[in-house]
Protein backbone atom coordinates (compact mmCIF):
# COMPACT_ATOMS: atom_id res chain seq x y z
CA MET A 1 50.97 11.32 -88.23
CA LEU A 2 49.97 8.35 -85.67
CA ASP A 3 52.74 5.67 -85.71
CA LYS A 4 52.01 2.14 -87.75
CA SER A 5 52.44 0.59 -84.48
CA ALA A 6 50.15 1.87 -82.53
CA GLN A 7 47.44 0.72 -83.85
CA TYR A 8 48.84 -2.93 -82.34
CA THR A 9 48.99 -1.70 -78.96
CA ASN A 10 45.92 -3.65 -77.82
CA THR A 11 47.25 -6.83 -80.22
CA ASP A 12 47.49 -10.22 -78.59
CA ASP A 13 50.38 -11.89 -79.40
CA GLU A 14 49.13 -14.54 -81.98
CA LYS A 15 46.78 -11.82 -83.90
CA LEU A 16 50.28 -9.71 -84.16
CA PHE A 17 52.02 -12.42 -85.34
CA SER A 18 49.39 -13.32 -87.71
CA PHE A 19 49.95 -9.57 -89.06
CA ILE A 20 53.77 -9.87 -89.49
CA GLU A 21 53.78 -13.41 -91.39
CA LYS A 22 51.59 -11.17 -94.11
CA GLY A 23 54.34 -9.11 -94.26
CA ASP A 24 52.82 -6.02 -91.56
CA LYS A 25 55.68 -3.94 -90.90
CA GLY A 26 53.52 -2.13 -88.06
CA ALA A 27 52.93 -5.31 -86.59
CA PHE A 28 56.73 -5.98 -86.77
CA THR A 29 57.66 -2.69 -85.25
CA GLN A 30 54.87 -3.13 -82.21
CA ALA A 31 56.72 -6.83 -81.67
CA TYR A 32 60.13 -4.87 -81.77
CA ASP A 33 59.14 -2.13 -79.29
CA ARG A 34 57.19 -4.61 -77.10
CA TYR A 35 59.75 -7.35 -76.69
CA HIS A 36 63.30 -5.46 -77.53
CA LYS A 37 64.39 -4.64 -74.16
CA LEU A 38 63.19 -7.64 -72.27
CA LEU A 39 65.36 -10.13 -74.98
CA TYR A 40 68.10 -7.63 -74.15
CA VAL A 41 68.08 -8.26 -70.93
CA LEU A 42 67.69 -12.42 -71.69
CA ALA A 43 70.80 -12.15 -74.10
CA TYR A 44 72.89 -10.12 -71.10
CA ARG A 45 72.52 -12.23 -68.36
CA TYR A 46 73.85 -15.00 -70.55
CA LEU A 47 76.27 -13.17 -72.23
CA MET A 48 77.33 -10.32 -69.55
CA ASN A 49 78.16 -8.03 -72.52
CA ALA A 50 76.39 -5.21 -73.88
CA ASP A 51 77.15 -5.44 -77.23
CA MET A 52 76.80 -8.49 -77.96
CA ALA A 53 73.74 -8.71 -75.93
CA GLU A 54 72.61 -6.08 -78.78
CA ASP A 55 73.58 -8.15 -81.30
CA VAL A 56 71.88 -11.16 -80.54
CA VAL A 57 68.47 -9.43 -80.40
CA GLN A 58 68.84 -7.55 -83.49
CA HIS A 59 69.36 -11.18 -85.05
CA VAL A 60 66.62 -12.42 -83.87
CA PHE A 61 64.27 -9.34 -85.03
CA ALA A 62 66.27 -9.81 -88.18
CA ARG A 63 65.87 -13.60 -88.85
CA LEU A 64 61.87 -13.11 -87.51
CA TRP A 65 61.29 -10.16 -90.49
CA GLU A 66 63.53 -12.62 -92.72
CA PHE A 67 61.84 -15.93 -92.20
CA ARG A 68 58.48 -14.68 -90.91
CA SER A 69 56.17 -16.40 -93.75
CA GLU A 70 57.62 -19.47 -93.02
CA LEU A 71 57.52 -19.62 -88.91
CA HIS A 72 54.40 -21.21 -87.63
CA VAL A 73 54.53 -20.34 -83.81
CA GLY A 74 52.64 -23.06 -82.12
CA ILE A 75 53.62 -21.28 -78.65
CA SER A 76 52.81 -17.18 -77.67
CA LEU A 77 55.25 -14.99 -79.55
CA LYS A 78 57.03 -14.27 -76.32
CA ASN A 79 58.19 -17.53 -75.44
CA TYR A 80 59.21 -18.28 -79.46
CA LEU A 81 61.81 -14.85 -79.07
CA PHE A 82 63.07 -16.00 -75.87
CA THR A 83 63.73 -19.56 -76.90
CA MET A 84 65.44 -17.80 -80.52
CA THR A 85 67.60 -15.54 -77.89
CA LYS A 86 68.39 -18.33 -75.89
CA ASN A 87 69.61 -20.36 -79.01
């Protein structure tokens, strides 16, 4: 069976976010797969603690999903996630 997120592998961030806004779990999974490692590295650089960095990244993605219909990304999804991670 094909992974649901695989269909979004070549989808740009703008379209990916529009699918996430509509509650598409496959698109959300693709965003997670695409950016988890980068966000973790960013969080780790600030915190210098692996567990805390992982918690921050999980929190960022949880908030993205929880408030997906209320968020309006005027910048790229990547930049938005990076900003959420730094804050």
